[in-house]
Amino acid sequence: MTHSIALIGTGLMGGPMARRLLGAGMPLKVWNRDAGKSAPLAALGAAVCATPAEAVAGAGHVITMLTDGGAVGEALFERGVASAMGPGATLIDMSSIKPSEARAHAERLAETGIAHLDAPVSGGTRGAEAGTLAIMVGGDAAVFEAALSVFAPMGRATRVGPTGAGQLSKLANQAIVAIAIGAVAEATLLVREGGGDLAAFRSALAGGFADSTILQQHGRRMQEMDFAPGGRSSVQLKDLDNVLAEAGLIGVTLPLVQAVRDRYVRMIETHDGGDLDHSALFLDLLALNGRDA
């Protein structure tokens, strides 16, 4: 077993994560369904592979950064990733999937001697590019400790409990993010329509109790109507659906999550907004109030 790393999924988030690993001098093999997204990494030293099985062969740690649990399961058990990984290797799933899916994947991998960490991230593309992602990790403590050097170039990793706990924490994170985006949208509209200076408003709140990254970054996006995707609305909606599904299993009601989830559905359907940044929830608020962009 070598100490090389494989990364499956080099899209919006996986691409900059791969660049961080390469920048730290780590030997890296990559694969992406759309080969055009992984090809530029070759110039940085990555071995670009034709199949996911080829990418993971001999790797000590395999990172998956894919769209959802179905895509992760397909890569692992239908495209040959699990069978190509050797006993003693560790699968680090940094995708955002259901906790139940993470636990099921871990159980199947354990049968062949492969360790598993569910390690979803928060911080968006900016965090991925800067290596400042918040990484929430579920899994065995010893396996987590052995993977710290892999996580380090990408951000700050914290073990939050056993398998599935990372995904549960990410769902909680996404609930906070979505509700906060809704709150920032309403505050932005209130100040804008009342004649206030939006940039000055955000500056005035900086450092105060209501300040946040969402206020500063997404408030500016709403002011400038710049919804080029950092975190896609379709992914935000998928995560909110997963939050509500997990809440149902636990037996709790989350009314704010339900309300903002329904608004994302309406925004995506009305504005063809699945590929817009999740701050585009502001568009739904404008439409609700009969206001122009």
C-alpha atoms as a PDB file:
ATOM      1  CA  MET A   1       0.000   0.000   0.000  1.00  0.00           C
ATOM      2  CA  THR A   2       1.403   3.373  -1.034  1.00  0.00           C
ATOM      3  CA  HIS A   3       0.602   6.676   0.633  1.00  0.00           C
ATOM      4  CA  SER A   4      -0.812   8.282  -2.492  1.00  0.00           C
ATOM      5  CA  ILE A   5      -4.233   9.911  -2.443  1.00  0.00           C
ATOM      6  CA  ALA A   6      -7.029   9.496  -4.958  1.00  0.00           C
ATOM      7  CA  LEU A   7      -9.780  12.053  -5.435  1.00  0.00           C
ATOM      8  CA  ILE A   8     -12.991  11.044  -7.194  1.00  0.00           C
ATOM      9  CA  GLY A   9     -14.986  14.073  -8.332  1.00  0.00           C
ATOM     10  CA  THR A  10     -13.090  17.187  -9.400  1.00  0.00           C
ATOM     11  CA  GLY A  11     -15.990  19.561  -9.988  1.00  0.00           C
ATOM     12  CA  LEU A  12     -16.874  22.857  -8.350  1.00  0.00           C
ATOM     13  CA  MET A  13     -15.520  21.793  -4.943  1.00  0.00           C
ATOM     14  CA  GLY A  14     -13.326  18.804  -5.767  1.00  0.00           C
ATOM     15  CA  GLY A  15     -11.227  20.763  -8.259  1.00  0.00           C
ATOM     16  CA  PRO A  16      -9.895  23.358  -5.803  1.00  0.00           C
ATOM     17  CA  MET A  17      -9.531  20.673  -3.128  1.00  0.00           C
ATOM     18  CA  ALA A  18      -7.314  18.725  -5.522  1.00  0.00           C
ATOM     19  CA  ARG A  19      -5.235  21.833  -6.149  1.00  0.00           C
ATOM     20  CA  ARG A  20      -4.746  22.299  -2.398  1.00  0.00           C
ATOM     21  CA  LEU A  21      -3.509  18.712  -2.032  1.00  0.00           C
ATOM     22  CA  LEU A  22      -1.150  19.076  -4.988  1.00  0.00           C
ATOM     23  CA  GLY A  23       0.108  22.387  -3.618  1.00  0.00           C
ATOM     24  CA  ALA A  24       1.014  20.590  -0.397  1.00  0.00           C
ATOM     25  CA  GLY A  25       3.181  18.188  -2.388  1.00  0.00           C
ATOM     26  CA  MET A  26       0.928  15.167  -2.023  1.00  0.00           C
ATOM     27  CA  PRO A  27       0.931  12.501  -4.767  1.00  0.00           C
ATOM     28  CA  LEU A  28      -2.559  12.599  -6.222  1.00  0.00           C
ATOM     29  CA  LYS A  29      -4.550  10.586  -8.746  1.00  0.00           C
ATOM     30  CA  VAL A  30      -7.889  11.968  -9.925  1.00  0.00           C
ATOM     31  CA  TRP A  31     -10.952  10.945 -11.867  1.00  0.00           C
ATOM     32  CA  ASN A  32     -14.077  12.831 -12.891  1.00  0.00           C
ATOM     33  CA  ARG A  33     -17.071  11.738 -14.936  1.00  0.00           C
ATOM     34  CA  ASP A  34     -16.507  14.798 -17.156  1.00  0.00           C
ATOM     35  CA  ALA A  35     -12.843  14.348 -18.023  1.00  0.00           C
ATOM     36  CA  GLY A  36     -12.550  17.983 -19.046  1.00  0.00           C
ATOM     37  CA  LYS A  37     -12.817  19.011 -15.396  1.00  0.00           C
ATOM     38  CA  SER A  38      -9.891  16.850 -14.300  1.00  0.00           C
ATOM     39  CA  ALA A  39      -7.574  17.357 -17.297  1.00  0.00           C
ATOM     40  CA  PRO A  40      -6.189  20.752 -16.115  1.00  0.00           C
ATOM     41  CA  LEU A  41      -4.925  19.104 -12.921  1.00  0.00           C
ATOM     42  CA  ALA A  42      -2.339  17.156 -14.915  1.00  0.00           C
ATOM     43  CA  ALA A  43      -0.304  20.336 -15.378  1.00  0.00           C
ATOM     44  CA  LEU A  44      -0.122  20.637 -11.579  1.00  0.00           C
ATOM     45  CA  GLY A  45       1.200  17.105 -11.145  1.00  0.00           C
ATOM     46  CA  ALA A  46      -1.923  14.995 -10.780  1.00  0.00           C
ATOM     47  CA  ALA A  47      -2.223  11.634 -12.500  1.00  0.00           C
ATOM     48  CA  VAL A  48      -5.499  11.910 -14.437  1.00  0.00           C
ATOM     49  CA  CYS A  49      -7.080   8.477 -14.745  1.00  0.00           C
ATOM     50  CA  ALA A  50      -9.551   7.037 -17.243  1.00  0.00           C
ATOM     51  CA  THR A  51     -11.608   5.151 -14.656  1.00  0.00           C
ATOM     52  CA  PRO A  52     -12.275   5.574 -10.938  1.00  0.00           C
ATOM     53  CA  ALA A  53     -10.922   2.077 -10.284  1.00  0.00           C
ATOM     54  CA  GLU A  54      -7.618   3.039 -11.911  1.00  0.00           C
ATOM     55  CA  ALA A  55      -7.449   6.183  -9.778  1.00  0.00           C
ATOM     56  CA  VAL A  56      -7.883   4.417  -6.441  1.00  0.00           C
ATOM     57  CA  ALA A  57      -5.640   1.400  -7.054  1.00  0.00           C
ATOM     58  CA  GLY A  58      -2.794   1.516  -4.509  1.00  0.00           C
ATOM     59  CA  ALA A  59      -4.040   4.665  -2.771  1.00  0.00           C
ATOM     60  CA  GLY A  60      -3.884   4.808   1.004  1.00  0.00           C
ATOM     61  CA  HIS A  61      -6.683   7.383   1.199  1.00  0.00           C
ATOM     62  CA  VAL A  62      -9.487   7.801  -1.332  1.00  0.00           C
ATOM     63  CA  ILE A  63     -11.553  10.996  -1.265  1.00  0.00           C
ATOM     64  CA  THR A  64     -14.979  11.162  -2.880  1.00  0.00           C
ATOM     65  CA  MET A  65     -16.564  14.547  -3.594  1.00  0.00           C
ATOM     66  CA  LEU A  66     -19.738  13.735  -5.504  1.00  0.00           C
ATOM     67  CA  THR A  67     -23.255  15.094  -5.908  1.00  0.00           C
ATOM     68  CA  ASP A  68     -25.252  12.867  -3.568  1.00  0.00           C
ATOM     69  CA  GLY A  69     -25.462   9.493  -1.883  1.00  0.00           C
ATOM     70  CA  GLY A  70     -26.556   7.755  -5.055  1.00  0.00           C
ATOM     71  CA  ALA A  71     -23.503   9.001  -6.930  1.00  0.00           C
ATOM     72  CA  VAL A  72     -21.208   7.923  -4.080  1.00  0.00           C
ATOM     73  CA  GLY A  73     -22.777   4.460  -3.935  1.00  0.00           C
ATOM     74  CA  GLU A  74     -22.481   4.092  -7.696  1.00  0.00           C
ATOM     75  CA  ALA A  75     -18.806   5.023  -7.666  1.00  0.00           C
ATOM     76  CA  LEU A  76     -18.029   2.715  -4.762  1.00  0.00           C
ATOM     77  CA  PHE A  77     -19.986  -0.377  -5.657  1.00  0.00           C
ATOM     78  CA  GLU A  78     -20.821  -0.172  -9.371  1.00  0.00           C
ATOM     79  CA  ARG A  79     -17.807   1.609 -10.880  1.00  0.00           C
ATOM     80  CA  GLY A  80     -15.261  -0.503  -9.048  1.00  0.00           C
ATOM     81  CA  VAL A  81     -13.834   1.860  -6.429  1.00  0.00           C
ATOM     82  CA  ALA A  82     -14.445  -0.421  -3.450  1.00  0.00           C
ATOM     83  CA  SER A  83     -13.143  -3.522  -5.213  1.00  0.00           C
ATOM     84  CA  ALA A  84     -10.005  -1.683  -6.405  1.00  0.00           C
ATOM     85  CA  MET A  85      -9.134  -0.353  -2.939  1.00  0.00           C
ATOM     86  CA  GLY A  86      -6.913  -2.568  -0.848  1.00  0.00           C
ATOM     87  CA  PRO A  87      -7.530  -3.695   2.737  1.00  0.00           C
ATOM     88  CA  GLY A  88      -6.227  -1.073   5.131  1.00  0.00           C
ATOM     89  CA  ALA A  89      -7.109   1.828   2.839  1.00  0.00           C
ATOM     90  CA  THR A  90      -9.475   4.565   4.021  1.00  0.00           C
ATOM     91  CA  LEU A  91     -12.419   6.007   2.116  1.00  0.00           C
ATOM     92  CA  ILE A  92     -13.002   9.672   3.019  1.00  0.00           C
ATOM     93  CA  ASP A  93     -16.394  10.694   1.694  1.00  0.00           C
ATOM     94  CA  MET A  94     -16.482  14.492   1.622  1.00  0.00           C
ATOM     95  CA  SER A  95     -19.771  14.607  -0.294  1.00  0.00           C
ATOM     96  CA  SER A  96     -22.960  15.744   1.437  1.00  0.00           C
ATOM     97  CA  ILE A  97     -25.225  12.703   1.748  1.00  0.00           C
ATOM     98  CA  LYS A  98     -27.713  11.222   4.202  1.00  0.00           C
ATOM     99  CA  PRO A  99     -26.311   9.912   7.514  1.00  0.00           C
ATOM    100  CA  SER A 100     -28.048   6.583   6.845  1.00  0.00           C
ATOM    101  CA  GLU A 101     -26.235   6.320   3.495  1.00  0.00           C
ATOM    102  CA  ALA A 102     -22.892   7.028   5.153  1.00  0.00           C
ATOM    103  CA  ARG A 103     -23.508   4.299   7.713  1.00  0.00           C
ATOM    104  CA  ALA A 104     -24.548   1.816   5.010  1.00  0.00           C
ATOM    105  CA  HIS A 105     -21.439   2.574   2.936  1.00  0.00           C
ATOM    106  CA  ALA A 106     -19.203   2.178   5.993  1.00  0.00           C
ATOM    107  CA  GLU A 107     -20.710  -1.218   6.804  1.00  0.00           C
ATOM    108  CA  ARG A 108     -20.193  -2.549   3.283  1.00  0.00           C
ATOM    109  CA  LEU A 109     -16.624  -1.272   3.099  1.00  0.00           C
ATOM    110  CA  ALA A 110     -15.760  -2.729   6.496  1.00  0.00           C
ATOM    111  CA  GLU A 111     -16.568  -6.198   5.151  1.00  0.00           C
ATOM    112  CA  THR A 112     -13.497  -5.945   2.901  1.00  0.00           C
ATOM    113  CA  GLY A 113     -11.214  -4.282   5.446  1.00  0.00           C
ATOM    114  CA  ILE A 114     -11.631  -0.714   4.197  1.00  0.00           C
ATOM    115  CA  ALA A 115     -12.041   2.054   6.781  1.00  0.00           C
ATOM    116  CA  HIS A 116     -14.557   4.864   6.273  1.00  0.00           C
ATOM    117  CA  LEU A 117     -14.865   8.483   7.339  1.00  0.00           C
ATOM    118  CA  ASP A 118     -17.819  10.682   6.427  1.00  0.00           C
ATOM    119  CA  ALA A 119     -16.338  14.163   6.170  1.00  0.00           C
ATOM    120  CA  PRO A 120     -18.643  16.732   4.547  1.00  0.00           C
ATOM    121  CA  VAL A 121     -17.466  20.315   4.356  1.00  0.00           C
ATOM    122  CA  SER A 122     -18.677  23.879   4.756  1.00  0.00           C
ATOM    123  CA  GLY A 123     -17.092  26.968   3.267  1.00  0.00           C
ATOM    124  CA  GLY A 124     -18.054  26.802  -0.384  1.00  0.00           C
ATOM    125  CA  THR A 125     -15.724  27.288  -3.296  1.00  0.00           C
ATOM    126  CA  ARG A 126     -13.889  30.132  -1.564  1.00  0.00           C
ATOM    127  CA  GLY A 127     -13.066  27.912   1.379  1.00  0.00           C
ATOM    128  CA  ALA A 128     -11.992  25.112  -0.948  1.00  0.00           C
ATOM    129  CA  GLU A 129      -9.667  27.449  -2.842  1.00  0.00           C
ATOM    130  CA  ALA A 130      -8.193  28.957   0.320  1.00  0.00           C
ATOM    131  CA  GLY A 131      -7.872  25.684   2.232  1.00  0.00           C
ATOM    132  CA  THR A 132     -10.133  26.970   5.013  1.00  0.00           C
ATOM    133  CA  LEU A 133     -12.985  24.476   4.803  1.00  0.00           C
ATOM    134  CA  ALA A 134     -14.756  23.424   7.985  1.00  0.00           C
ATOM    135  CA  ILE A 135     -14.619  19.625   7.808  1.00  0.00           C
ATOM    136  CA  MET A 136     -17.058  17.666   9.988  1.00  0.00           C
ATOM    137  CA  VAL A 137     -15.901  14.083  10.405  1.00  0.00           C
ATOM    138  CA  GLY A 138     -17.706  10.979  11.580  1.00  0.00           C
ATOM    139  CA  GLY A 139     -15.919   7.686  12.157  1.00  0.00           C
ATOM    140  CA  ASP A 140     -13.388   5.829  14.263  1.00  0.00           C
ATOM    141  CA  ALA A 141     -11.069   8.113  16.248  1.00  0.00           C
ATOM    142  CA  ALA A 142      -7.889   6.271  15.241  1.00  0.00           C
ATOM    143  CA  VAL A 143      -8.824   6.349  11.559  1.00  0.00           C
ATOM    144  CA  PHE A 144      -9.524  10.069  11.882  1.00  0.00           C
ATOM    145  CA  GLU A 145      -6.141  10.742  13.513  1.00  0.00           C
ATOM    146  CA  ALA A 146      -4.372   8.861  10.734  1.00  0.00           C
ATOM    147  CA  ALA A 147      -6.106  11.039   8.116  1.00  0.00           C
ATOM    148  CA  LEU A 148      -5.304  14.434   9.663  1.00  0.00           C
ATOM    149  CA  SER A 149      -2.394  15.070   7.306  1.00  0.00           C
ATOM    150  CA  VAL A 150      -4.739  14.500   4.359  1.00  0.00           C
ATOM    151  CA  PHE A 151      -7.310  16.947   5.705  1.00  0.00           C
ATOM    152  CA  ALA A 152      -4.777  19.647   6.629  1.00  0.00           C
ATOM    153  CA  PRO A 153      -4.286  21.256   3.175  1.00  0.00           C
ATOM    154  CA  MET A 154      -8.051  21.510   2.698  1.00  0.00           C
ATOM    155  CA  GLY A 155      -9.143  22.992   6.009  1.00  0.00           C
ATOM    156  CA  ARG A 156      -9.849  22.372   9.666  1.00  0.00           C
ATOM    157  CA  ALA A 157     -11.107  18.875  10.436  1.00  0.00           C
ATOM    158  CA  THR A 158     -13.032  18.081  13.613  1.00  0.00           C
ATOM    159  CA  ARG A 159     -14.268  14.635  14.597  1.00  0.00           C
ATOM    160  CA  VAL A 160     -17.870  15.076  15.720  1.00  0.00           C
ATOM    161  CA  GLY A 161     -18.760  11.475  16.582  1.00  0.00           C
ATOM    162  CA  PRO A 162     -19.171   7.991  15.107  1.00  0.00           C
ATOM    163  CA  THR A 163     -19.982   7.127  11.500  1.00  0.00           C
ATOM    164  CA  GLY A 164     -22.808   9.320  10.200  1.00  0.00           C
ATOM    165  CA  ALA A 165     -22.178  12.115  12.686  1.00  0.00           C
ATOM    166  CA  GLY A 166     -20.280  14.142  10.099  1.00  0.00           C
ATOM    167  CA  GLN A 167     -23.237  14.053   7.739  1.00  0.00           C
ATOM    168  CA  LEU A 168     -25.657  14.900  10.558  1.00  0.00           C
ATOM    169  CA  SER A 169     -23.522  17.918  11.458  1.00  0.00           C
ATOM    170  CA  LYS A 170     -23.438  19.005   7.804  1.00  0.00           C
ATOM    171  CA  LEU A 171     -27.230  18.807   7.653  1.00  0.00           C
ATOM    172  CA  ALA A 172     -27.439  21.004  10.743  1.00  0.00           C
ATOM    173  CA  ASN A 173     -24.955  23.382   9.097  1.00  0.00           C
ATOM    174  CA  GLN A 174     -27.076  23.535   5.949  1.00  0.00           C
ATOM    175  CA  ALA A 175     -30.185  24.250   7.975  1.00  0.00           C
ATOM    176  CA  ILE A 176     -28.427  27.227   9.575  1.00  0.00           C
ATOM    177  CA  VAL A 177     -27.075  28.425   6.213  1.00  0.00           C
ATOM    178  CA  ALA A 178     -30.429  28.278   4.445  1.00  0.00           C
ATOM    179  CA  ILE A 179     -32.329  30.006   7.238  1.00  0.00           C
ATOM    180  CA  ALA A 180     -29.609  32.662   7.504  1.00  0.00           C
ATOM    181  CA  ILE A 181     -29.764  33.300   3.753  1.00  0.00           C
ATOM    182  CA  GLY A 182     -33.502  33.838   4.123  1.00  0.00           C
ATOM    183  CA  ALA A 183     -32.939  36.276   6.985  1.00  0.00           C
ATOM    184  CA  VAL A 184     -30.221  38.192   5.105  1.00  0.00           C
ATOM    185  CA  ALA A 185     -32.474  38.398   2.040  1.00  0.00           C
ATOM    186  CA  GLU A 186     -35.273  39.946   4.069  1.00  0.00           C
ATOM    187  CA  ALA A 187     -32.937  42.394   5.814  1.00  0.00           C
ATOM    188  CA  THR A 188     -31.381  43.358   2.479  1.00  0.00           C
ATOM    189  CA  LEU A 189     -34.768  44.003   0.894  1.00  0.00           C
ATOM    190  CA  LEU A 190     -35.931  46.017   3.900  1.00  0.00           C
ATOM    191  CA  VAL A 191     -32.884  48.300   3.815  1.00  0.00           C
ATOM    192  CA  ARG A 192     -32.907  48.604   0.024  1.00  0.00           C
ATOM    193  CA  GLU A 193     -36.569  49.493  -0.246  1.00  0.00           C
ATOM    194  CA  GLY A 194     -36.273  51.877   2.682  1.00  0.00           C
ATOM    195  CA  GLY A 195     -33.588  53.854   0.884  1.00  0.00           C
ATOM    196  CA  GLY A 196     -30.584  52.713   2.904  1.00  0.00           C
ATOM    197  CA  ASP A 197     -27.056  52.182   1.594  1.00  0.00           C
ATOM    198  CA  LEU A 198     -26.588  48.410   1.540  1.00  0.00           C
ATOM    199  CA  ALA A 199     -22.789  48.445   1.625  1.00  0.00           C
ATOM    200  CA  ALA A 200     -22.832  50.878   4.547  1.00  0.00           C
ATOM    201  CA  PHE A 201     -25.468  48.739   6.269  1.00  0.00           C
ATOM    202  CA  ARG A 202     -23.236  45.660   6.130  1.00  0.00           C
ATOM    203  CA  SER A 203     -20.259  47.695   7.295  1.00  0.00           C
ATOM    204  CA  ALA A 204     -22.262  49.025  10.239  1.00  0.00           C
ATOM    205  CA  LEU A 205     -23.181  45.489  11.340  1.00  0.00           C
ATOM    206  CA  ALA A 206     -19.632  44.126  10.945  1.00  0.00           C
ATOM    207  CA  GLY A 207     -18.420  42.712  14.233  1.00  0.00           C
ATOM    208  CA  GLY A 208     -21.829  42.975  15.840  1.00  0.00           C
ATOM    209  CA  PHE A 209     -24.161  40.255  17.049  1.00  0.00           C
ATOM    210  CA  ALA A 210     -25.949  40.014  13.684  1.00  0.00           C
ATOM    211  CA  ASP A 211     -22.775  39.885  11.608  1.00  0.00           C
ATOM    212  CA  SER A 212     -21.933  36.740   9.680  1.00  0.00           C
ATOM    213  CA  THR A 213     -20.128  35.486   6.600  1.00  0.00           C
ATOM    214  CA  ILE A 214     -23.529  35.065   4.988  1.00  0.00           C
ATOM    215  CA  LEU A 215     -24.431  38.692   5.669  1.00  0.00           C
ATOM    216  CA  GLN A 216     -21.158  39.997   4.256  1.00  0.00           C
ATOM    217  CA  GLN A 217     -20.724  37.679   1.263  1.00  0.00           C
ATOM    218  CA  HIS A 218     -24.285  36.867   0.272  1.00  0.00           C
ATOM    219  CA  GLY A 219     -25.609  40.289   1.224  1.00  0.00           C
ATOM    220  CA  ARG A 220     -23.182  41.713  -1.331  1.00  0.00           C
ATOM    221  CA  ARG A 221     -24.298  39.127  -3.895  1.00  0.00           C
ATOM    222  CA  MET A 222     -27.912  40.176  -3.355  1.00  0.00           C
ATOM    223  CA  GLN A 223     -27.025  43.852  -3.677  1.00  0.00           C
ATOM    224  CA  GLU A 224     -25.131  43.232  -6.918  1.00  0.00           C
ATOM    225  CA  MET A 225     -27.552  40.528  -8.166  1.00  0.00           C
ATOM    226  CA  ASP A 226     -24.547  38.278  -8.708  1.00  0.00           C
ATOM    227  CA  PHE A 227     -25.731  34.700  -8.441  1.00  0.00           C
ATOM    228  CA  ALA A 228     -22.926  32.880 -10.240  1.00  0.00           C
ATOM    229  CA  PRO A 229     -22.741  29.563  -8.418  1.00  0.00           C
ATOM    230  CA  GLY A 230     -20.549  29.101  -5.382  1.00  0.00           C
ATOM    231  CA  GLY A 231     -23.008  26.805  -3.638  1.00  0.00           C
ATOM    232  CA  ARG A 232     -25.718  25.724  -6.075  1.00  0.00           C
ATOM    233  CA  SER A 233     -29.389  26.163  -5.143  1.00  0.00           C
ATOM    234  CA  SER A 234     -30.131  22.623  -6.337  1.00  0.00           C
ATOM    235  CA  VAL A 235     -27.582  21.265  -3.850  1.00  0.00           C
ATOM    236  CA  GLN A 236     -28.989  23.455  -1.070  1.00  0.00           C
ATOM    237  CA  LEU A 237     -32.454  22.068  -1.778  1.00  0.00           C
ATOM    238  CA  LYS A 238     -31.125  18.505  -1.778  1.00  0.00           C
ATOM    239  CA  ASP A 239     -29.526  19.116   1.611  1.00  0.00           C
ATOM    240  CA  LEU A 240     -32.726  20.622   3.048  1.00  0.00           C
ATOM    241  CA  ASP A 241     -34.702  17.609   1.848  1.00  0.00           C
ATOM    242  CA  ASN A 242     -32.154  15.420   3.646  1.00  0.00           C
ATOM    243  CA  VAL A 243     -32.481  17.554   6.795  1.00  0.00           C
ATOM    244  CA  LEU A 244     -36.247  17.039   6.817  1.00  0.00           C
ATOM    245  CA  ALA A 245     -35.911  13.328   6.098  1.00  0.00           C
ATOM    246  CA  GLU A 246     -33.491  12.891   9.011  1.00  0.00           C
ATOM    247  CA  ALA A 247     -35.705  15.013  11.255  1.00  0.00           C
ATOM    248  CA  GLY A 248     -38.595  12.705  10.410  1.00  0.00           C
ATOM    249  CA  LEU A 249     -36.546   9.658  11.396  1.00  0.00           C
ATOM    250  CA  ILE A 250     -35.558  11.297  14.681  1.00  0.00           C
ATOM    251  CA  GLY A 251     -39.120  12.459  15.304  1.00  0.00           C
ATOM    252  CA  VAL A 252     -38.670  16.247  15.407  1.00  0.00           C
ATOM    253  CA  THR A 253     -40.389  19.085  13.521  1.00  0.00           C
ATOM    254  CA  LEU A 254     -38.305  21.873  11.975  1.00  0.00           C
ATOM    255  CA  PRO A 255     -40.718  24.599  10.805  1.00  0.00           C
ATOM    256  CA  LEU A 256     -38.101  27.123   9.656  1.00  0.00           C
ATOM    257  CA  VAL A 257     -36.305  24.497   7.582  1.00  0.00           C
ATOM    258  CA  GLN A 258     -39.611  23.457   6.000  1.00  0.00           C
ATOM    259  CA  ALA A 259     -40.502  27.049   5.158  1.00  0.00           C
ATOM    260  CA  VAL A 260     -37.164  27.920   3.551  1.00  0.00           C
ATOM    261  CA  ARG A 261     -37.105  24.583   1.709  1.00  0.00           C
ATOM    262  CA  ASP A 262     -40.454  25.410   0.109  1.00  0.00           C
ATOM    263  CA  ARG A 263     -39.092  28.805  -0.934  1.00  0.00           C
ATOM    264  CA  TYR A 264     -36.119  27.164  -2.643  1.00  0.00           C
ATOM    265  CA  VAL A 265     -38.484  24.892  -4.537  1.00  0.00           C
ATOM    266  CA  ARG A 266     -40.469  27.896  -5.732  1.00  0.00           C
ATOM    267  CA  MET A 267     -37.371  29.901  -6.665  1.00  0.00           C
ATOM    268  CA  ILE A 268     -35.848  27.040  -8.645  1.00  0.00           C
ATOM    269  CA  GLU A 269     -39.089  26.327 -10.491  1.00  0.00           C
ATOM    270  CA  THR A 270     -39.910  29.986 -11.171  1.00  0.00           C
ATOM    271  CA  HIS A 271     -36.459  31.237 -12.125  1.00  0.00           C
ATOM    272  CA  ASP A 272     -34.908  28.045 -13.521  1.00  0.00           C
ATOM    273  CA  GLY A 273     -32.545  28.597 -10.650  1.00  0.00           C
ATOM    274  CA  GLY A 274     -31.099  25.211  -9.802  1.00  0.00           C
ATOM    275  CA  ASP A 275     -27.670  26.215 -11.052  1.00  0.00           C
ATOM    276  CA  LEU A 276     -27.760  29.655  -9.426  1.00  0.00           C
ATOM    277  CA  ASP A 277     -25.943  30.338  -6.175  1.00  0.00           C
ATOM    278  CA  HIS A 278     -28.048  29.594  -3.108  1.00  0.00           C
ATOM    279  CA  SER A 279     -28.109  33.320  -2.312  1.00  0.00           C
ATOM    280  CA  ALA A 280     -30.498  33.564  -5.294  1.00  0.00           C
ATOM    281  CA  LEU A 281     -33.252  32.879  -2.765  1.00  0.00           C
ATOM    282  CA  PHE A 282     -33.374  36.699  -2.866  1.00  0.00           C
ATOM    283  CA  LEU A 283     -35.112  36.368  -6.255  1.00  0.00           C
ATOM    284  CA  ASP A 284     -38.022  34.582  -4.627  1.00  0.00           C
ATOM    285  CA  LEU A 285     -38.350  37.360  -2.071  1.00  0.00           C
ATOM    286  CA  LEU A 286     -38.360  40.000  -4.811  1.00  0.00           C
ATOM    287  CA  ALA A 287     -41.082  38.113  -6.682  1.00  0.00           C
ATOM    288  CA  LEU A 288     -43.127  37.665  -3.510  1.00  0.00           C
ATOM    289  CA  ASN A 289     -43.044  41.439  -2.989  1.00  0.00           C
ATOM    290  CA  GLY A 290     -43.629  42.363  -6.627  1.00  0.00           C
ATOM    291  CA  ARG A 291     -40.238  44.064  -6.841  1.00  0.00           C
ATOM    292  CA  ASP A 292     -37.906  44.199  -9.829  1.00  0.00           C
ATOM    293  CA  ALA A 293     -34.284  43.128  -9.625  1.00  0.00           C
END
